[in-house]
Amino acid sequence: MTKDQFIELVQDTGEYKTKKEAEVAVKAFTEAVTSALVNKESVSLVGFGSFETALQKGKSGKVPGTDKTYTTQDKIVPKFKSGKTLKDRVAAGK
């Protein structure tokens, strides 16, 4: 699903009068979640899931077919954990 298709779905589901209103709502939600994650805060939406940050450890490895090795740095990454209600609805296909 593309962003435009998602905005149309939000417009229909949220009963927004215009596509622009739905786009503003989607943008506000994504900006709010992003801002919270940047500040190392988690966002928990009961039944839907939670957004949080986690430390991803760096790793080292070898490039296949060569003797070259590489290492990556530790970094903070966003994570999403789905809630029970979301899991159940997806499993039921509704």
PDB file of N, CA and C in Angstrom:
ATOM      1  N   MET A   1       0.855  -1.172   0.000  1.00  0.00           N
ATOM      2  CA  MET A   1       0.000   0.000   0.000  1.00  0.00           C
ATOM      3  C   MET A   1       0.901   1.233   0.000  1.00  0.00           C
ATOM      4  N   THR A   2       0.626   2.149  -0.902  1.00  0.00           N
ATOM      5  CA  THR A   2       1.405   3.377  -0.969  1.00  0.00           C
ATOM      6  C   THR A   2       0.870   4.398   0.036  1.00  0.00           C
ATOM      7  N   LYS A   3       1.623   5.472   0.207  1.00  0.00           N
ATOM      8  CA  LYS A   3       1.204   6.521   1.135  1.00  0.00           C
ATOM      9  C   LYS A   3      -0.132   7.125   0.702  1.00  0.00           C
ATOM     10  N   ASP A   4      -0.300   7.373  -0.590  1.00  0.00           N
ATOM     11  CA  ASP A   4      -1.560   7.933  -1.091  1.00  0.00           C
ATOM     12  C   ASP A   4      -2.737   6.992  -0.829  1.00  0.00           C
ATOM     13  N   GLN A   5      -2.522   5.701  -1.054  1.00  0.00           N
ATOM     14  CA  GLN A   5      -3.578   4.728  -0.792  1.00  0.00           C
ATOM     15  C   GLN A   5      -3.916   4.685   0.699  1.00  0.00           C
ATOM     16  N   PHE A   6      -2.879   4.791   1.542  1.00  0.00           N
ATOM     17  CA  PHE A   6      -3.104   4.784   2.979  1.00  0.00           C
ATOM     18  C   PHE A   6      -3.888   6.030   3.411  1.00  0.00           C
ATOM     19  N   ILE A   7      -3.562   7.174   2.844  1.00  0.00           N
ATOM     20  CA  ILE A   7      -4.282   8.414   3.175  1.00  0.00           C
ATOM     21  C   ILE A   7      -5.747   8.299   2.768  1.00  0.00           C
ATOM     22  N   GLU A   8      -6.020   7.705   1.609  1.00  0.00           N
ATOM     23  CA  GLU A   8      -7.408   7.487   1.190  1.00  0.00           C
ATOM     24  C   GLU A   8      -8.129   6.549   2.160  1.00  0.00           C
ATOM     25  N   LEU A   9      -7.440   5.515   2.645  1.00  0.00           N
ATOM     26  CA  LEU A   9      -8.028   4.600   3.615  1.00  0.00           C
ATOM     27  C   LEU A   9      -8.341   5.328   4.925  1.00  0.00           C
ATOM     28  N   VAL A  10      -7.422   6.184   5.366  1.00  0.00           N
ATOM     29  CA  VAL A  10      -7.651   6.975   6.580  1.00  0.00           C
ATOM     30  C   VAL A  10      -8.826   7.926   6.372  1.00  0.00           C
ATOM     31  N   GLN A  11      -8.918   8.508   5.189  1.00  0.00           N
ATOM     32  CA  GLN A  11     -10.039   9.406   4.884  1.00  0.00           C
ATOM     33  C   GLN A  11     -11.370   8.665   5.000  1.00  0.00           C
ATOM     34  N   ASP A  12     -11.438   7.475   4.434  1.00  0.00           N
ATOM     35  CA  ASP A  12     -12.673   6.683   4.491  1.00  0.00           C
ATOM     36  C   ASP A  12     -12.970   6.190   5.909  1.00  0.00           C
ATOM     37  N   THR A  13     -11.955   5.662   6.573  1.00  0.00           N
ATOM     38  CA  THR A  13     -12.131   5.100   7.912  1.00  0.00           C
ATOM     39  C   THR A  13     -12.433   6.180   8.947  1.00  0.00           C
ATOM     40  N   GLY A  14     -11.709   7.298   8.851  1.00  0.00           N
ATOM     41  CA  GLY A  14     -11.880   8.372   9.821  1.00  0.00           C
ATOM     42  C   GLY A  14     -12.962   9.363   9.462  1.00  0.00           C
ATOM     43  N   GLU A  15     -13.627   9.136   8.345  1.00  0.00           N
ATOM     44  CA  GLU A  15     -14.703  10.004   7.865  1.00  0.00           C
ATOM     45  C   GLU A  15     -14.268  11.456   7.729  1.00  0.00           C
ATOM     46  N   TYR A  16     -13.045  11.651   7.196  1.00  0.00           N
ATOM     47  CA  TYR A  16     -12.572  13.003   6.895  1.00  0.00           C
ATOM     48  C   TYR A  16     -13.246  13.473   5.622  1.00  0.00           C
ATOM     49  N   LYS A  17     -13.569  14.749   5.558  1.00  0.00           N
ATOM     50  CA  LYS A  17     -14.261  15.295   4.388  1.00  0.00           C
ATOM     51  C   LYS A  17     -13.348  15.373   3.169  1.00  0.00           C
ATOM     52  N   THR A  18     -12.077  15.718   3.395  1.00  0.00           N
ATOM     53  CA  THR A  18     -11.153  15.862   2.272  1.00  0.00           C
ATOM     54  C   THR A  18      -9.920  14.986   2.479  1.00  0.00           C
ATOM     55  N   LYS A  19      -9.248  14.729   1.376  1.00  0.00           N
ATOM     56  CA  LYS A  19      -8.014  13.963   1.424  1.00  0.00           C
ATOM     57  C   LYS A  19      -6.940  14.754   2.177  1.00  0.00           C
ATOM     58  N   LYS A  20      -6.978  16.081   2.051  1.00  0.00           N
ATOM     59  CA  LYS A  20      -6.000  16.947   2.725  1.00  0.00           C
ATOM     60  C   LYS A  20      -6.109  16.814   4.243  1.00  0.00           C
ATOM     61  N   GLU A  21      -7.334  16.750   4.781  1.00  0.00           N
ATOM     62  CA  GLU A  21      -7.523  16.589   6.226  1.00  0.00           C
ATOM     63  C   GLU A  21      -6.943  15.255   6.697  1.00  0.00           C
ATOM     64  N   ALA A  22      -7.162  14.205   5.933  1.00  0.00           N
ATOM     65  CA  ALA A  22      -6.622  12.887   6.279  1.00  0.00           C
ATOM     66  C   ALA A  22      -5.102  12.907   6.218  1.00  0.00           C
ATOM     67  N   GLU A  23      -4.544  13.606   5.227  1.00  0.00           N
ATOM     68  CA  GLU A  23      -3.094  13.696   5.098  1.00  0.00           C
ATOM     69  C   GLU A  23      -2.495  14.435   6.288  1.00  0.00           C
ATOM     70  N   VAL A  24      -3.149  15.485   6.755  1.00  0.00           N
ATOM     71  CA  VAL A  24      -2.690  16.237   7.927  1.00  0.00           C
ATOM     72  C   VAL A  24      -2.707  15.327   9.158  1.00  0.00           C
ATOM     73  N   ALA A  25      -3.745  14.514   9.299  1.00  0.00           N
ATOM     74  CA  ALA A  25      -3.850  13.604  10.441  1.00  0.00           C
ATOM     75  C   ALA A  25      -2.728  12.563  10.418  1.00  0.00           C
ATOM     76  N   VAL A  26      -2.466  11.987   9.259  1.00  0.00           N
ATOM     77  CA  VAL A  26      -1.406  10.983   9.129  1.00  0.00           C
ATOM     78  C   VAL A  26      -0.054  11.621   9.430  1.00  0.00           C
ATOM     79  N   LYS A  27       0.185  12.805   8.875  1.00  0.00           N
ATOM     80  CA  LYS A  27       1.459  13.491   9.102  1.00  0.00           C
ATOM     81  C   LYS A  27       1.634  13.850  10.573  1.00  0.00           C
ATOM     82  N   ALA A  28       0.566  14.304  11.227  1.00  0.00           N
ATOM     83  CA  ALA A  28       0.645  14.645  12.651  1.00  0.00           C
ATOM     84  C   ALA A  28       1.002  13.419  13.482  1.00  0.00           C
ATOM     85  N   PHE A  29       0.384  12.284  13.169  1.00  0.00           N
ATOM     86  CA  PHE A  29       0.664  11.053  13.903  1.00  0.00           C
ATOM     87  C   PHE A  29       2.122  10.633  13.720  1.00  0.00           C
ATOM     88  N   THR A  30       2.589  10.600  12.474  1.00  0.00           N
ATOM     89  CA  THR A  30       3.957  10.147  12.232  1.00  0.00           C
ATOM     90  C   THR A  30       4.979  11.103  12.840  1.00  0.00           C
ATOM     91  N   GLU A  31       4.722  12.399  12.771  1.00  0.00           N
ATOM     92  CA  GLU A  31       5.640  13.373  13.366  1.00  0.00           C
ATOM     93  C   GLU A  31       5.670  13.238  14.884  1.00  0.00           C
ATOM     94  N   ALA A  32       4.513  13.003  15.500  1.00  0.00           N
ATOM     95  CA  ALA A  32       4.447  12.856  16.955  1.00  0.00           C
ATOM     96  C   ALA A  32       5.214  11.609  17.411  1.00  0.00           C
ATOM     97  N   VAL A  33       5.029  10.494  16.719  1.00  0.00           N
ATOM     98  CA  VAL A  33       5.735   9.265  17.074  1.00  0.00           C
ATOM     99  C   VAL A  33       7.240   9.456  16.863  1.00  0.00           C
ATOM    100  N   THR A  34       7.625  10.066  15.753  1.00  0.00           N
ATOM    101  CA  THR A  34       9.033  10.310  15.472  1.00  0.00           C
ATOM    102  C   THR A  34       9.661  11.180  16.548  1.00  0.00           C
ATOM    103  N   SER A  35       8.973  12.240  16.924  1.00  0.00           N
ATOM    104  CA  SER A  35       9.486  13.149  17.944  1.00  0.00           C
ATOM    105  C   SER A  35       9.681  12.426  19.273  1.00  0.00           C
ATOM    106  N   ALA A  36       8.728  11.594  19.661  1.00  0.00           N
ATOM    107  CA  ALA A  36       8.849  10.844  20.906  1.00  0.00           C
ATOM    108  C   ALA A  36      10.032   9.879  20.855  1.00  0.00           C
ATOM    109  N   LEU A  37      10.209   9.193  19.733  1.00  0.00           N
ATOM    110  CA  LEU A  37      11.312   8.235  19.606  1.00  0.00           C
ATOM    111  C   LEU A  37      12.663   8.934  19.608  1.00  0.00           C
ATOM    112  N   VAL A  38      12.747  10.104  18.994  1.00  0.00           N
ATOM    113  CA  VAL A  38      13.993  10.877  18.997  1.00  0.00           C
ATOM    114  C   VAL A  38      14.368  11.249  20.431  1.00  0.00           C
ATOM    115  N   ASN A  39      13.359  11.523  21.257  1.00  0.00           N
ATOM    116  CA  ASN A  39      13.582  11.872  22.662  1.00  0.00           C
ATOM    117  C   ASN A  39      13.689  10.633  23.548  1.00  0.00           C
ATOM    118  N   LYS A  40      13.854   9.451  22.941  1.00  0.00           N
ATOM    119  CA  LYS A  40      14.005   8.174  23.644  1.00  0.00           C
ATOM    120  C   LYS A  40      12.797   7.827  24.514  1.00  0.00           C
ATOM    121  N   GLU A  41      11.617   8.280  24.112  1.00  0.00           N
ATOM    122  CA  GLU A  41      10.379   7.944  24.807  1.00  0.00           C
ATOM    123  C   GLU A  41       9.658   6.862  24.004  1.00  0.00           C
ATOM    124  N   SER A  42       8.916   6.012  24.693  1.00  0.00           N
ATOM    125  CA  SER A  42       8.139   5.013  23.967  1.00  0.00           C
ATOM    126  C   SER A  42       6.700   5.503  23.845  1.00  0.00           C
ATOM    127  N   VAL A  43       6.025   5.038  22.796  1.00  0.00           N
ATOM    128  CA  VAL A  43       4.631   5.386  22.557  1.00  0.00           C
ATOM    129  C   VAL A  43       3.841   4.089  22.590  1.00  0.00           C
ATOM    130  N   SER A  44       2.907   3.995  23.537  1.00  0.00           N
ATOM    131  CA  SER A  44       2.126   2.781  23.698  1.00  0.00           C
ATOM    132  C   SER A  44       0.658   3.069  23.405  1.00  0.00           C
ATOM    133  N   LEU A  45       0.109   2.383  22.419  1.00  0.00           N
ATOM    134  CA  LEU A  45      -1.296   2.498  22.058  1.00  0.00           C
ATOM    135  C   LEU A  45      -1.950   1.167  22.400  1.00  0.00           C
ATOM    136  N   VAL A  46      -2.684   1.143  23.494  1.00  0.00           N
ATOM    137  CA  VAL A  46      -3.260  -0.098  24.026  1.00  0.00           C
ATOM    138  C   VAL A  46      -4.091  -0.806  22.948  1.00  0.00           C
ATOM    139  N   GLY A  47      -3.812  -2.079  22.756  1.00  0.00           N
ATOM    140  CA  GLY A  47      -4.514  -2.881  21.764  1.00  0.00           C
ATOM    141  C   GLY A  47      -3.867  -2.843  20.393  1.00  0.00           C
ATOM    142  N   PHE A  48      -3.200  -1.737  20.058  1.00  0.00           N
ATOM    143  CA  PHE A  48      -2.557  -1.607  18.753  1.00  0.00           C
ATOM    144  C   PHE A  48      -1.108  -2.046  18.826  1.00  0.00           C
ATOM    145  N   GLY A  49      -0.340  -1.451  19.746  1.00  0.00           N
ATOM    146  CA  GLY A  49       1.062  -1.808  19.884  1.00  0.00           C
ATOM    147  C   GLY A  49       1.863  -0.684  20.483  1.00  0.00           C
ATOM    148  N   SER A  50       3.174  -0.876  20.516  1.00  0.00           N
ATOM    149  CA  SER A  50       4.037   0.156  21.076  1.00  0.00           C
ATOM    150  C   SER A  50       5.242   0.391  20.164  1.00  0.00           C
ATOM    151  N   PHE A  51       5.623   1.656  20.096  1.00  0.00           N
ATOM    152  CA  PHE A  51       6.799   2.085  19.361  1.00  0.00           C
ATOM    153  C   PHE A  51       7.859   2.420  20.394  1.00  0.00           C
ATOM    154  N   GLU A  52       9.077   1.948  20.191  1.00  0.00           N
ATOM    155  CA  GLU A  52      10.158   2.254  21.115  1.00  0.00           C
ATOM    156  C   GLU A  52      11.485   2.197  20.388  1.00  0.00           C
ATOM    157  N   THR A  53      12.539   2.594  21.080  1.00  0.00           N
ATOM    158  CA  THR A  53      13.872   2.532  20.504  1.00  0.00           C
ATOM    159  C   THR A  53      14.659   1.439  21.202  1.00  0.00           C
ATOM    160  N   ALA A  54      15.626   0.894  20.498  1.00  0.00           N
ATOM    161  CA  ALA A  54      16.469  -0.156  21.062  1.00  0.00           C
ATOM    162  C   ALA A  54      17.880  -0.008  20.514  1.00  0.00           C
ATOM    163  N   LEU A  55      18.836  -0.471  21.294  1.00  0.00           N
ATOM    164  CA  LEU A  55      20.229  -0.442  20.858  1.00  0.00           C
ATOM    165  C   LEU A  55      20.495  -1.680  20.015  1.00  0.00           C
ATOM    166  N   GLN A  56      20.983  -1.452  18.797  1.00  0.00           N
ATOM    167  CA  GLN A  56      21.366  -2.562  17.927  1.00  0.00           C
ATOM    168  C   GLN A  56      22.883  -2.649  17.976  1.00  0.00           C
ATOM    169  N   LYS A  57      23.385  -3.749  18.481  1.00  0.00           N
ATOM    170  CA  LYS A  57      24.831  -3.922  18.624  1.00  0.00           C
ATOM    171  C   LYS A  57      25.504  -4.003  17.259  1.00  0.00           C
ATOM    172  N   GLY A  58      26.703  -3.472  17.192  1.00  0.00           N
ATOM    173  CA  GLY A  58      27.494  -3.581  15.976  1.00  0.00           C
ATOM    174  C   GLY A  58      27.937  -5.017  15.778  1.00  0.00           C
ATOM    175  N   LYS A  59      28.314  -5.318  14.570  1.00  0.00           N
ATOM    176  CA  LYS A  59      28.760  -6.684  14.299  1.00  0.00           C
ATOM    177  C   LYS A  59      29.950  -6.643  13.356  1.00  0.00           C
ATOM    178  N   SER A  60      30.650  -7.755  13.283  1.00  0.00           N
ATOM    179  CA  SER A  60      31.750  -7.872  12.332  1.00  0.00           C
ATOM    180  C   SER A  60      31.507  -9.122  11.502  1.00  0.00           C
ATOM    181  N   GLY A  61      32.008  -9.097  10.308  1.00  0.00           N
ATOM    182  CA  GLY A  61      31.805 -10.236   9.429  1.00  0.00           C
ATOM    183  C   GLY A  61      32.806 -10.242   8.306  1.00  0.00           C
ATOM    184  N   LYS A  62      32.653 -11.209   7.445  1.00  0.00           N
ATOM    185  CA  LYS A  62      33.558 -11.362   6.320  1.00  0.00           C
ATOM    186  C   LYS A  62      32.756 -11.308   5.029  1.00  0.00           C
ATOM    187  N   VAL A  63      33.267 -10.599   4.041  1.00  0.00           N
ATOM    188  CA  VAL A  63      32.623 -10.511   2.737  1.00  0.00           C
ATOM    189  C   VAL A  63      32.855 -11.853   2.026  1.00  0.00           C
ATOM    190  N   PRO A  64      31.777 -12.522   1.594  1.00  0.00           N
ATOM    191  CA  PRO A  64      31.931 -13.827   0.949  1.00  0.00           C
ATOM    192  C   PRO A  64      32.812 -13.756  -0.304  1.00  0.00           C
ATOM    193  N   GLY A  65      33.675 -14.739  -0.446  1.00  0.00           N
ATOM    194  CA  GLY A  65      34.521 -14.836  -1.632  1.00  0.00           C
ATOM    195  C   GLY A  65      35.777 -13.990  -1.567  1.00  0.00           C
ATOM    196  N   THR A  66      35.964 -13.238  -0.494  1.00  0.00           N
ATOM    197  CA  THR A  66      37.167 -12.410  -0.350  1.00  0.00           C
ATOM    198  C   THR A  66      37.697 -12.557   1.073  1.00  0.00           C
ATOM    199  N   ASP A  67      38.836 -11.945   1.296  1.00  0.00           N
ATOM    200  CA  ASP A  67      39.397 -11.943   2.650  1.00  0.00           C
ATOM    201  C   ASP A  67      39.032 -10.657   3.385  1.00  0.00           C
ATOM    202  N   LYS A  68      38.189  -9.817   2.794  1.00  0.00           N
ATOM    203  CA  LYS A  68      37.831  -8.541   3.408  1.00  0.00           C
ATOM    204  C   LYS A  68      36.878  -8.767   4.584  1.00  0.00           C
ATOM    205  N   THR A  69      37.094  -8.015   5.634  1.00  0.00           N
ATOM    206  CA  THR A  69      36.202  -8.059   6.788  1.00  0.00           C
ATOM    207  C   THR A  69      35.600  -6.677   6.987  1.00  0.00           C
ATOM    208  N   TYR A  70      34.502  -6.637   7.720  1.00  0.00           N
ATOM    209  CA  TYR A  70      33.853  -5.361   8.000  1.00  0.00           C
ATOM    210  C   TYR A  70      33.328  -5.365   9.429  1.00  0.00           C
ATOM    211  N   THR A  71      33.137  -4.168   9.957  1.00  0.00           N
ATOM    212  CA  THR A  71      32.500  -4.012  11.268  1.00  0.00           C
ATOM    213  C   THR A  71      31.491  -2.881  11.169  1.00  0.00           C
ATOM    214  N   THR A  72      30.402  -3.019  11.907  1.00  0.00           N
ATOM    215  CA  THR A  72      29.404  -1.954  11.955  1.00  0.00           C
ATOM    216  C   THR A  72      29.356  -1.410  13.377  1.00  0.00           C
ATOM    217  N   GLN A  73      28.920  -0.184  13.504  1.00  0.00           N
ATOM    218  CA  GLN A  73      28.849   0.479  14.798  1.00  0.00           C
ATOM    219  C   GLN A  73      27.530   0.166  15.501  1.00  0.00           C
ATOM    220  N   ASP A  74      27.527   0.318  16.830  1.00  0.00           N
ATOM    221  CA  ASP A  74      26.278   0.247  17.583  1.00  0.00           C
ATOM    222  C   ASP A  74      25.400   1.412  17.143  1.00  0.00           C
ATOM    223  N   LYS A  75      24.083   1.195  17.119  1.00  0.00           N
ATOM    224  CA  LYS A  75      23.190   2.288  16.750  1.00  0.00           C
ATOM    225  C   LYS A  75      21.825   2.103  17.396  1.00  0.00           C
ATOM    226  N   ILE A  76      21.112   3.196  17.522  1.00  0.00           N
ATOM    227  CA  ILE A  76      19.765   3.181  18.066  1.00  0.00           C
ATOM    228  C   ILE A  76      18.803   3.028  16.882  1.00  0.00           C
ATOM    229  N   VAL A  77      17.869   2.076  16.994  1.00  0.00           N
ATOM    230  CA  VAL A  77      16.910   1.813  15.920  1.00  0.00           C
ATOM    231  C   VAL A  77      15.487   1.832  16.474  1.00  0.00           C
ATOM    232  N   PRO A  78      14.503   2.221  15.649  1.00  0.00           N
ATOM    233  CA  PRO A  78      13.115   2.165  16.102  1.00  0.00           C
ATOM    234  C   PRO A  78      12.593   0.724  16.032  1.00  0.00           C
ATOM    235  N   LYS A  79      11.708   0.400  16.961  1.00  0.00           N
ATOM    236  CA  LYS A  79      11.092  -0.932  16.978  1.00  0.00           C
ATOM    237  C   LYS A  79       9.595  -0.770  17.216  1.00  0.00           C
ATOM    238  N   PHE A  80       8.828  -1.703  16.669  1.00  0.00           N
ATOM    239  CA  PHE A  80       7.385  -1.738  16.892  1.00  0.00           C
ATOM    240  C   PHE A  80       7.018  -3.120  17.389  1.00  0.00           C
ATOM    241  N   LYS A  81       6.240  -3.167  18.465  1.00  0.00           N
ATOM    242  CA  LYS A  81       5.749  -4.441  18.981  1.00  0.00           C
ATOM    243  C   LYS A  81       4.233  -4.378  18.936  1.00  0.00           C
ATOM    244  N   SER A  82       3.630  -5.278  18.190  1.00  0.00           N
ATOM    245  CA  SER A  82       2.177  -5.246  18.026  1.00  0.00           C
ATOM    246  C   SER A  82       1.468  -5.714  19.292  1.00  0.00           C
ATOM    247  N   GLY A  83       0.292  -5.138  19.514  1.00  0.00           N
ATOM    248  CA  GLY A  83      -0.530  -5.488  20.666  1.00  0.00           C
ATOM    249  C   GLY A  83      -1.400  -6.696  20.382  1.00  0.00           C
ATOM    250  N   LYS A  84      -1.986  -7.249  21.425  1.00  0.00           N
ATOM    251  CA  LYS A  84      -2.787  -8.465  21.300  1.00  0.00           C
ATOM    252  C   LYS A  84      -3.994  -8.275  20.386  1.00  0.00           C
ATOM    253  N   THR A  85      -4.706  -7.155  20.520  1.00  0.00           N
ATOM    254  CA  THR A  85      -5.884  -6.923  19.701  1.00  0.00           C
ATOM    255  C   THR A  85      -5.518  -6.884  18.217  1.00  0.00           C
ATOM    256  N   LEU A  86      -4.435  -6.202  17.876  1.00  0.00           N
ATOM    257  CA  LEU A  86      -3.970  -6.142  16.488  1.00  0.00           C
ATOM    258  C   LEU A  86      -3.595  -7.523  15.982  1.00  0.00           C
ATOM    259  N   LYS A  87      -2.845  -8.273  16.778  1.00  0.00           N
ATOM    260  CA  LYS A  87      -2.447  -9.622  16.382  1.00  0.00           C
ATOM    261  C   LYS A  87      -3.665 -10.503  16.117  1.00  0.00           C
ATOM    262  N   ASP A  88      -4.632 -10.420  17.033  1.00  0.00           N
ATOM    263  CA  ASP A  88      -5.832 -11.254  16.894  1.00  0.00           C
ATOM    264  C   ASP A  88      -6.628 -10.903  15.648  1.00  0.00           C
ATOM    265  N   ARG A  89      -6.790  -9.600  15.351  1.00  0.00           N
ATOM    266  CA  ARG A  89      -7.563  -9.193  14.179  1.00  0.00           C
ATOM    267  C   ARG A  89      -6.872  -9.572  12.885  1.00  0.00           C
ATOM    268  N   VAL A  90      -5.547  -9.448  12.853  1.00  0.00           N
ATOM    269  CA  VAL A  90      -4.804  -9.834  11.650  1.00  0.00           C
ATOM    270  C   VAL A  90      -4.901 -11.347  11.443  1.00  0.00           C
ATOM    271  N   ALA A  91      -4.773 -12.105  12.517  1.00  0.00           N
ATOM    272  CA  ALA A  91      -4.858 -13.565  12.422  1.00  0.00           C
ATOM    273  C   ALA A  91      -6.241 -14.008  11.956  1.00  0.00           C
ATOM    274  N   ALA A  92      -7.278 -13.277  12.387  1.00  0.00           N
ATOM    275  CA  ALA A  92      -8.627 -13.627  11.984  1.00  0.00           C
ATOM    276  C   ALA A  92      -8.971 -13.117  10.588  1.00  0.00           C
ATOM    277  N   GLY A  93      -8.132 -12.222  10.057  1.00  0.00           N
ATOM    278  CA  GLY A  93      -8.384 -11.684   8.721  1.00  0.00           C
ATOM    279  C   GLY A  93      -9.497 -10.684   8.673  1.00  0.00           C
ATOM    280  N   LYS A  94      -9.732  -9.965   9.782  1.00  0.00           N
ATOM    281  CA  LYS A  94     -10.835  -8.987   9.828  1.00  0.00           C
ATOM    282  C   LYS A  94     -10.310  -7.596   9.984  1.00  0.00           C
TER     283      LYS A  94
END
